[in-house]
C-alpha atoms as a PDB file:
ATOM      1  CA  MET A   1     146.682 143.964 105.209  1.00  0.00           C
ATOM      2  CA  ASP A   2     144.271 146.857 105.771  1.00  0.00           C
ATOM      3  CA  PHE A   3     143.399 146.502 109.463  1.00  0.00           C
ATOM      4  CA  ASP A   4     140.288 148.618 109.054  1.00  0.00           C
ATOM      5  CA  LYS A   5     138.803 146.196 106.494  1.00  0.00           C
ATOM      6  CA  ILE A   6     138.475 143.509 109.178  1.00  0.00           C
ATOM      7  CA  SER A   7     135.045 144.059 110.710  1.00  0.00           C
ATOM      8  CA  SER A   8     135.034 144.684 114.450  1.00  0.00           C
ATOM      9  CA  LYS A   9     131.864 142.540 114.596  1.00  0.00           C
ATOM     10  CA  THR A  10     133.647 139.339 113.565  1.00  0.00           C
ATOM     11  CA  PHE A  11     135.549 137.019 115.909  1.00  0.00           C
ATOM     12  CA  TRP A  12     138.906 137.852 114.314  1.00  0.00           C
ATOM     13  CA  GLY A  13     138.106 141.550 114.306  1.00  0.00           C
ATOM     14  CA  LYS A  14     137.364 141.472 118.041  1.00  0.00           C
ATOM     15  CA  PHE A  15     140.383 139.251 118.714  1.00  0.00           C
ATOM     16  CA  LEU A  16     142.817 141.519 116.888  1.00  0.00           C
ATOM     17  CA  ARG A  17     141.445 144.690 118.442  1.00  0.00           C
ATOM     18  CA  PHE A  18     141.270 143.463 122.034  1.00  0.00           C
ATOM     19  CA  PRO A  19     144.929 144.200 122.966  1.00  0.00           C
ATOM     20  CA  LEU A  20     144.600 147.678 121.466  1.00  0.00           C
ATOM     21  CA  THR A  21     141.881 148.594 123.972  1.00  0.00           C
ATOM     22  CA  PHE A  22     144.572 148.798 126.674  1.00  0.00           C
ATOM     23  CA  ILE A  23     146.400 151.650 124.923  1.00  0.00           C
ATOM     24  CA  PRO A  24     145.348 155.011 126.438  1.00  0.00           C
ATOM     25  CA  PRO A  25     143.865 157.260 123.724  1.00  0.00           C
ATOM     26  CA  GLU A  26     146.304 160.095 124.502  1.00  0.00           C
ATOM     27  CA  THR A  27     149.313 157.840 123.804  1.00  0.00           C
ATOM     28  CA  VAL A  28     151.645 159.039 121.054  1.00  0.00           C
ATOM     29  CA  MET A  29     152.812 156.109 118.932  1.00  0.00           C
ATOM     30  CA  PRO A  30     155.200 155.887 115.985  1.00  0.00           C
ATOM     31  CA  ILE A  31     153.475 154.929 112.744  1.00  0.00           C
ATOM     32  CA  LEU A  32     154.681 151.407 112.048  1.00  0.00           C
ATOM     33  CA  ARG A  33     154.751 151.058 108.267  1.00  0.00           C
ATOM     34  CA  GLY A  34     154.475 152.818 104.933  1.00  0.00           C
ATOM     35  CA  LYS A  35     155.787 156.209 103.843  1.00  0.00           C
ATOM     36  CA  LEU A  36     154.865 157.628 107.252  1.00  0.00           C
ATOM     37  CA  LYS A  37     156.830 155.033 109.198  1.00  0.00           C
ATOM     38  CA  GLY A  38     158.334 156.670 112.267  1.00  0.00           C
ATOM     39  CA  LYS A  39     156.026 159.702 112.220  1.00  0.00           C
ATOM     40  CA  ARG A  40     154.245 160.311 115.523  1.00  0.00           C
ATOM     41  CA  TRP A  41     150.492 159.754 115.865  1.00  0.00           C
ATOM     42  CA  ILE A  42     148.024 160.185 118.731  1.00  0.00           C
ATOM     43  CA  VAL A  43     146.207 156.860 119.175  1.00  0.00           C
ATOM     44  CA  GLY A  44     142.778 158.272 120.054  1.00  0.00           C
ATOM     45  CA  SER A  45     142.645 160.701 117.133  1.00  0.00           C
ATOM     46  CA  GLY A  46     141.463 158.106 114.622  1.00  0.00           C
ATOM     47  CA  THR A  47     141.310 154.393 113.927  1.00  0.00           C
ATOM     48  CA  HIS A  48     144.153 152.140 115.071  1.00  0.00           C
ATOM     49  CA  GLY A  49     144.925 151.541 111.421  1.00  0.00           C
ATOM     50  CA  CYS A  50     146.440 155.038 111.247  1.00  0.00           C
ATOM     51  CA  TRP A  51     149.346 154.417 113.617  1.00  0.00           C
ATOM     52  CA  LEU A  52     149.619 150.796 112.475  1.00  0.00           C
ATOM     53  CA  GLY A  53     150.182 152.242 109.004  1.00  0.00           C
ATOM     54  CA  THR A  54     147.460 150.114 107.393  1.00  0.00           C
ATOM     55  CA  TYR A  55     144.754 152.780 107.093  1.00  0.00           C
ATOM     56  CA  GLU A  56     143.281 152.675 103.539  1.00  0.00           C
ATOM     57  CA  TYR A  57     146.406 150.796 102.545  1.00  0.00           C
ATOM     58  CA  ASP A  58     145.582 150.377  98.840  1.00  0.00           C
ATOM     59  CA  LYS A  59     144.583 154.036  98.508  1.00  0.00           C
ATOM     60  CA  GLN A  60     147.824 155.056 100.211  1.00  0.00           C
ATOM     61  CA  HIS A  61     149.855 153.254  97.541  1.00  0.00           C
ATOM     62  CA  ILE A  62     147.944 154.835  94.651  1.00  0.00           C
ATOM     63  CA  PHE A  63     148.271 158.249  96.278  1.00  0.00           C
ATOM     64  CA  GLU A  64     152.012 157.723  96.732  1.00  0.00           C
ATOM     65  CA  ALA A  65     152.478 156.584  93.137  1.00  0.00           C
ATOM     66  CA  SER A  66     150.626 159.617  91.772  1.00  0.00           C
ATOM     67  CA  VAL A  67     151.902 162.588  93.769  1.00  0.00           C
ATOM     68  CA  LYS A  68     155.096 164.263  92.531  1.00  0.00           C
ATOM     69  CA  PRO A  69     157.618 166.184  94.681  1.00  0.00           C
ATOM     70  CA  GLY A  70     157.108 169.933  94.639  1.00  0.00           C
ATOM     71  CA  SER A  71     153.357 169.646  94.067  1.00  0.00           C
ATOM     72  CA  ILE A  72     150.506 171.563  95.669  1.00  0.00           C
ATOM     73  CA  ILE A  73     147.842 169.392  97.331  1.00  0.00           C
ATOM     74  CA  PHE A  74     144.469 170.236  98.842  1.00  0.00           C
ATOM     75  CA  ASP A  75     143.338 167.799 101.570  1.00  0.00           C
ATOM     76  CA  ILE A  76     139.610 168.496 101.861  1.00  0.00           C
ATOM     77  CA  GLY A  77     138.144 166.786 104.892  1.00  0.00           C
ATOM     78  CA  ALA A  78     141.543 166.370 106.515  1.00  0.00           C
ATOM     79  CA  HIS A  79     140.213 164.872 109.774  1.00  0.00           C
ATOM     80  CA  ALA A  80     143.190 164.310 112.128  1.00  0.00           C
ATOM     81  CA  GLY A  81     145.678 164.600 109.292  1.00  0.00           C
ATOM     82  CA  PHE A  82     146.717 161.150 108.075  1.00  0.00           C
ATOM     83  CA  TYR A  83     146.640 162.151 104.406  1.00  0.00           C
ATOM     84  CA  THR A  84     147.883 165.609 105.284  1.00  0.00           C
ATOM     85  CA  LEU A  85     151.031 164.053 106.764  1.00  0.00           C
ATOM     86  CA  LEU A  86     151.359 161.685 103.816  1.00  0.00           C
ATOM     87  CA  ALA A  87     150.969 164.518 101.324  1.00  0.00           C
ATOM     88  CA  SER A  88     153.509 166.592 103.255  1.00  0.00           C
ATOM     89  CA  VAL A  89     156.091 163.825 102.934  1.00  0.00           C
ATOM     90  CA  LEU A  90     155.362 163.197  99.251  1.00  0.00           C
ATOM     91  CA  VAL A  91     155.565 166.829  98.080  1.00  0.00           C
ATOM     92  CA  GLY A  92     158.703 167.526 100.111  1.00  0.00           C
ATOM     93  CA  ALA A  93     160.207 170.843 101.106  1.00  0.00           C
ATOM     94  CA  ASN A  94     159.397 172.470  97.763  1.00  0.00           C
ATOM     95  CA  GLY A  95     155.733 171.462  97.838  1.00  0.00           C
ATOM     96  CA  LYS A  96     152.778 172.722  99.803  1.00  0.00           C
ATOM     97  CA  VAL A  97     149.718 171.143 101.410  1.00  0.00           C
ATOM     98  CA  PHE A  98     146.488 172.950 102.311  1.00  0.00           C
ATOM     99  CA  ALA A  99     144.413 171.004 104.846  1.00  0.00           C
ATOM    100  CA  PHE A 100     140.725 171.957 105.108  1.00  0.00           C
ATOM    101  CA  GLU A 101     138.900 170.820 108.257  1.00  0.00           C
ATOM    102  CA  PRO A 102     135.963 172.440 110.141  1.00  0.00           C
ATOM    103  CA  LEU A 103     135.593 170.339 113.324  1.00  0.00           C
ATOM    104  CA  PRO A 104     137.321 171.566 116.498  1.00  0.00           C
ATOM    105  CA  ARG A 105     138.129 168.012 117.665  1.00  0.00           C
ATOM    106  CA  ASN A 106     139.777 167.114 114.389  1.00  0.00           C
ATOM    107  CA  LEU A 107     141.578 170.451 114.169  1.00  0.00           C
ATOM    108  CA  PHE A 108     143.133 169.877 117.589  1.00  0.00           C
ATOM    109  CA  TYR A 109     144.597 166.529 116.530  1.00  0.00           C
ATOM    110  CA  LEU A 110     145.543 167.783 113.067  1.00  0.00           C
ATOM    111  CA  LYS A 111     147.571 170.641 114.523  1.00  0.00           C
ATOM    112  CA  GLU A 112     149.111 168.389 117.162  1.00  0.00           C
ATOM    113  CA  HIS A 113     150.264 165.924 114.512  1.00  0.00           C
ATOM    114  CA  LEU A 114     151.849 168.740 112.545  1.00  0.00           C
ATOM    115  CA  ARG A 115     153.577 169.978 115.709  1.00  0.00           C
ATOM    116  CA  LEU A 116     154.717 166.541 116.884  1.00  0.00           C
ATOM    117  CA  ASN A 117     156.284 165.848 113.497  1.00  0.00           C
ATOM    118  CA  ASN A 118     157.758 169.323 112.919  1.00  0.00           C
ATOM    119  CA  ILE A 119     155.801 169.750 109.671  1.00  0.00           C
ATOM    120  CA  THR A 120     156.313 173.158 108.055  1.00  0.00           C
ATOM    121  CA  ASN A 121     154.872 172.769 104.543  1.00  0.00           C
ATOM    122  CA  VAL A 122     151.209 172.517 105.593  1.00  0.00           C
ATOM    123  CA  THR A 123     148.667 175.346 105.919  1.00  0.00           C
ATOM    124  CA  VAL A 124     145.529 174.518 107.924  1.00  0.00           C
ATOM    125  CA  ILE A 125     142.294 176.210 106.830  1.00  0.00           C
ATOM    126  CA  GLU A 126     139.632 175.920 109.532  1.00  0.00           C
ATOM    127  CA  ALA A 127     136.576 175.584 107.327  1.00  0.00           C
ATOM    128  CA  ALA A 128     134.278 173.231 105.502  1.00  0.00           C
ATOM    129  CA  VAL A 129     134.501 173.378 101.713  1.00  0.00           C
ATOM    130  CA  SER A 130     131.288 173.825  99.734  1.00  0.00           C
ATOM    131  CA  ASN A 131     129.727 175.784  96.863  1.00  0.00           C
ATOM    132  CA  PHE A 132     129.202 178.896  99.010  1.00  0.00           C
ATOM    133  CA  SER A 133     131.015 180.949 101.607  1.00  0.00           C
ATOM    134  CA  GLY A 134     129.875 181.968 105.074  1.00  0.00           C
ATOM    135  CA  LEU A 135     128.753 180.619 108.416  1.00  0.00           C
ATOM    136  CA  THR A 136     126.762 177.384 108.253  1.00  0.00           C
ATOM    137  CA  SER A 137     125.373 174.579 110.416  1.00  0.00           C
ATOM    138  CA  PHE A 138     127.344 171.348 110.657  1.00  0.00           C
ATOM    139  CA  GLU A 139     126.409 167.963 112.078  1.00  0.00           C
ATOM    140  CA  GLU A 140     129.300 166.125 113.734  1.00  0.00           C
ATOM    141  CA  SER A 141     129.819 162.579 114.993  1.00  0.00           C
ATOM    142  CA  SER A 142     131.613 161.255 118.066  1.00  0.00           C
ATOM    143  CA  THR A 143     134.513 159.917 115.971  1.00  0.00           C
ATOM    144  CA  GLY A 144     134.888 162.968 113.750  1.00  0.00           C
ATOM    145  CA  TYR A 145     134.788 160.797 110.617  1.00  0.00           C
ATOM    146  CA  GLN A 146     131.127 161.350 109.727  1.00  0.00           C
ATOM    147  CA  GLY A 147     129.036 164.490 109.539  1.00  0.00           C
ATOM    148  CA  GLY A 148     128.590 167.404 107.207  1.00  0.00           C
ATOM    149  CA  ILE A 149     126.801 170.629 106.372  1.00  0.00           C
ATOM    150  CA  THR A 150     123.091 170.388 107.220  1.00  0.00           C
ATOM    151  CA  SER A 151     120.369 172.704 108.480  1.00  0.00           C
ATOM    152  CA  GLN A 152     119.883 170.339 111.444  1.00  0.00           C
ATOM    153  CA  GLY A 153     123.492 170.655 112.583  1.00  0.00           C
ATOM    154  CA  LYS A 154     124.134 172.122 116.037  1.00  0.00           C
ATOM    155  CA  LEU A 155     127.705 173.258 115.356  1.00  0.00           C
ATOM    156  CA  GLN A 156     128.358 176.516 113.516  1.00  0.00           C
ATOM    157  CA  VAL A 157     131.373 176.409 111.185  1.00  0.00           C
ATOM    158  CA  ASN A 158     132.826 178.547 108.441  1.00  0.00           C
ATOM    159  CA  ALA A 159     132.309 177.377 104.836  1.00  0.00           C
ATOM    160  CA  VAL A 160     134.539 178.366 101.923  1.00  0.00           C
ATOM    161  CA  ASN A 161     134.354 178.168  98.154  1.00  0.00           C
ATOM    162  CA  LEU A 162     137.584 177.133  96.398  1.00  0.00           C
ATOM    163  CA  ASP A 163     137.047 179.282  93.310  1.00  0.00           C
ATOM    164  CA  GLU A 164     136.571 182.365  95.491  1.00  0.00           C
ATOM    165  CA  LEU A 165     139.688 181.667  97.583  1.00  0.00           C
ATOM    166  CA  ILE A 166     141.777 181.183  94.455  1.00  0.00           C
ATOM    167  CA  ALA A 167     140.344 184.320  92.803  1.00  0.00           C
ATOM    168  CA  ARG A 168     141.330 186.342  95.887  1.00  0.00           C
ATOM    169  CA  GLY A 169     144.837 184.878  95.847  1.00  0.00           C
ATOM    170  CA  GLU A 170     144.434 183.247  99.275  1.00  0.00           C
ATOM    171  CA  ILE A 171     145.361 179.783  97.991  1.00  0.00           C
ATOM    172  CA  PRO A 172     147.183 178.618  94.833  1.00  0.00           C
ATOM    173  CA  ILE A 173     145.854 176.327  92.114  1.00  0.00           C
ATOM    174  CA  PRO A 174     146.442 172.721  93.209  1.00  0.00           C
ATOM    175  CA  ASP A 175     148.010 169.847  91.317  1.00  0.00           C
ATOM    176  CA  TYR A 176     146.084 167.266  93.352  1.00  0.00           C
ATOM    177  CA  ILE A 177     142.926 167.316  95.469  1.00  0.00           C
ATOM    178  CA  LYS A 178     141.899 164.658  97.975  1.00  0.00           C
ATOM    179  CA  ILE A 179     138.207 164.932  98.929  1.00  0.00           C
ATOM    180  CA  ASP A 180     136.480 162.993 101.725  1.00  0.00           C
ATOM    181  CA  VAL A 181     133.421 164.920 102.888  1.00  0.00           C
ATOM    182  CA  GLU A 182     130.789 162.285 103.688  1.00  0.00           C
ATOM    183  CA  GLY A 183     128.277 162.853 100.902  1.00  0.00           C
ATOM    184  CA  HIS A 184     128.912 166.540 100.146  1.00  0.00           C
ATOM    185  CA  GLU A 185     131.310 165.818  97.293  1.00  0.00           C
ATOM    186  CA  LYS A 186     129.252 167.504  94.588  1.00  0.00           C
ATOM    187  CA  SER A 187     129.068 170.787  96.539  1.00  0.00           C
ATOM    188  CA  VAL A 188     132.863 170.874  96.817  1.00  0.00           C
ATOM    189  CA  LEU A 189     133.231 170.294  93.066  1.00  0.00           C
ATOM    190  CA  VAL A 190     130.581 172.870  92.130  1.00  0.00           C
ATOM    191  CA  GLY A 191     132.411 175.454  94.233  1.00  0.00           C
ATOM    192  CA  ALA A 192     135.582 174.738  92.260  1.00  0.00           C
ATOM    193  CA  LYS A 193     134.161 174.464  88.719  1.00  0.00           C
ATOM    194  CA  SER A 194     136.199 177.294  87.243  1.00  0.00           C
ATOM    195  CA  MET A 195     139.496 176.004  88.622  1.00  0.00           C
ATOM    196  CA  LEU A 196     138.697 172.403  87.656  1.00  0.00           C
ATOM    197  CA  ALA A 197     137.741 173.384  84.093  1.00  0.00           C
ATOM    198  CA  ASN A 198     140.944 175.358  83.567  1.00  0.00           C
ATOM    199  CA  ALA A 199     143.598 173.501  85.591  1.00  0.00           C
ATOM    200  CA  HIS A 200     142.298 169.902  85.796  1.00  0.00           C
ATOM    201  CA  PRO A 201     144.103 168.846  88.980  1.00  0.00           C
ATOM    202  CA  THR A 202     143.999 165.109  89.674  1.00  0.00           C
ATOM    203  CA  ILE A 203     141.220 164.332  92.169  1.00  0.00           C
ATOM    204  CA  PHE A 204     141.107 161.498  94.694  1.00  0.00           C
ATOM    205  CA  LEU A 205     137.425 161.354  95.541  1.00  0.00           C
ATOM    206  CA  ALA A 206     135.706 159.338  98.275  1.00  0.00           C
ATOM    207  CA  ILE A 207     132.118 158.754  97.153  1.00  0.00           C
ATOM    208  CA  HIS A 208     129.281 158.275  99.655  1.00  0.00           C
ATOM    209  CA  GLY A 209     126.200 156.959  97.892  1.00  0.00           C
ATOM    210  CA  ARG A 210     125.390 155.931  94.326  1.00  0.00           C
ATOM    211  CA  PRO A 211     123.365 159.123  93.567  1.00  0.00           C
ATOM    212  CA  VAL A 212     126.431 161.154  94.577  1.00  0.00           C
ATOM    213  CA  LEU A 213     128.591 159.084  92.244  1.00  0.00           C
ATOM    214  CA  GLN A 214     126.277 159.788  89.323  1.00  0.00           C
ATOM    215  CA  GLN A 215     126.141 163.518  90.105  1.00  0.00           C
ATOM    216  CA  CYS A 216     129.912 163.833  90.451  1.00  0.00           C
ATOM    217  CA  ARG A 217     130.560 161.712  87.376  1.00  0.00           C
ATOM    218  CA  GLN A 218     128.284 163.848  85.228  1.00  0.00           C
ATOM    219  CA  LEU A 219     129.842 167.071  86.488  1.00  0.00           C
ATOM    220  CA  LEU A 220     133.453 165.956  86.153  1.00  0.00           C
ATOM    221  CA  GLU A 221     132.992 164.466  82.694  1.00  0.00           C
ATOM    222  CA  SER A 222     131.406 167.746  81.564  1.00  0.00           C
ATOM    223  CA  LEU A 223     134.613 169.471  82.704  1.00  0.00           C
ATOM    224  CA  GLY A 224     136.842 167.185  80.641  1.00  0.00           C
ATOM    225  CA  TYR A 225     137.716 164.568  83.254  1.00  0.00           C
ATOM    226  CA  LYS A 226     137.975 160.819  82.963  1.00  0.00           C
ATOM    227  CA  LEU A 227     137.070 158.713  85.977  1.00  0.00           C
ATOM    228  CA  LYS A 228     138.177 155.310  87.178  1.00  0.00           C
ATOM    229  CA  ALA A 229     137.712 153.335  90.372  1.00  0.00           C
ATOM    230  CA  LEU A 230     140.782 153.058  92.572  1.00  0.00           C
ATOM    231  CA  ASP A 231     140.228 149.291  92.783  1.00  0.00           C
ATOM    232  CA  GLY A 232     140.050 148.990  88.993  1.00  0.00           C
ATOM    233  CA  ASN A 233     136.411 147.855  88.876  1.00  0.00           C
ATOM    234  CA  ASN A 234     133.771 149.108  86.475  1.00  0.00           C
ATOM    235  CA  LEU A 235     132.161 152.342  87.681  1.00  0.00           C
ATOM    236  CA  ALA A 236     128.692 150.955  87.001  1.00  0.00           C
ATOM    237  CA  GLN A 237     129.300 148.036  89.356  1.00  0.00           C
ATOM    238  CA  LEU A 238     130.806 149.864  92.315  1.00  0.00           C
ATOM    239  CA  PRO A 239     129.323 149.705  95.828  1.00  0.00           C
ATOM    240  CA  LYS A 240     127.481 152.761  97.100  1.00  0.00           C
ATOM    241  CA  ASN A 241     130.544 153.932  99.043  1.00  0.00           C
ATOM    242  CA  THR A 242     133.723 153.814  96.998  1.00  0.00           C
ATOM    243  CA  GLU A 243     136.887 155.621  95.923  1.00  0.00           C
ATOM    244  CA  ILE A 244     137.545 157.027  92.471  1.00  0.00           C
ATOM    245  CA  ILE A 245     140.282 159.013  90.781  1.00  0.00           C
ATOM    246  CA  ALA A 246     139.476 161.751  88.257  1.00  0.00           C
ATOM    247  CA  TYR A 247     142.123 162.919  85.795  1.00  0.00           C
ATOM    248  CA  ARG A 248     142.530 164.879  82.541  1.00  0.00           C
END
């Protein structure tokens, strides 16, 4: 059961969450299930589903079934590092994970999770990923899950372009890319067009809004990708916020 799918506004959602309110946010808990079982997680860094091991449970399984040991993975929009930790375990000692995250709050927890779990195959890049490079304005939320590059943002962060980083030899070409950037998906893809066209890494893409889905679909298909919904449904019938996988 994906704990996060149970709305906190329902009776059962409130009932199930009530005991969790007594856990201090700075508490370090072992993750209770899944590939990350036993890894250490700071309760207040994300939703309770993270340390319960139920966070995006279906997506976890598809991610696990796809990623091969020894691979290179980009985690774009790493937040506090749940998928960074999962990718680290899946690629093993011979693989490498590059975690991109611009927000100071999230970076603190991301680095703490890497330290608490003695992770050595992850490189953290403190930046937002877009179709340009340089300093930019970023709007953040209290939870760290929402937000993005916008002219109205009060926080100044560094933005990077994947094609430029690869051309300069600062990062390798990935085998897999996980993208969760709250509506800025197309900008990430545009900034990686050359690499995507030539290498075709598998992409796990969180879509925020039907216009974004159409834009990303058109771009990826023009680069030789096929797309399918992670839940197996028809792309034309998906909700406005959904998860897709793009592959050669």
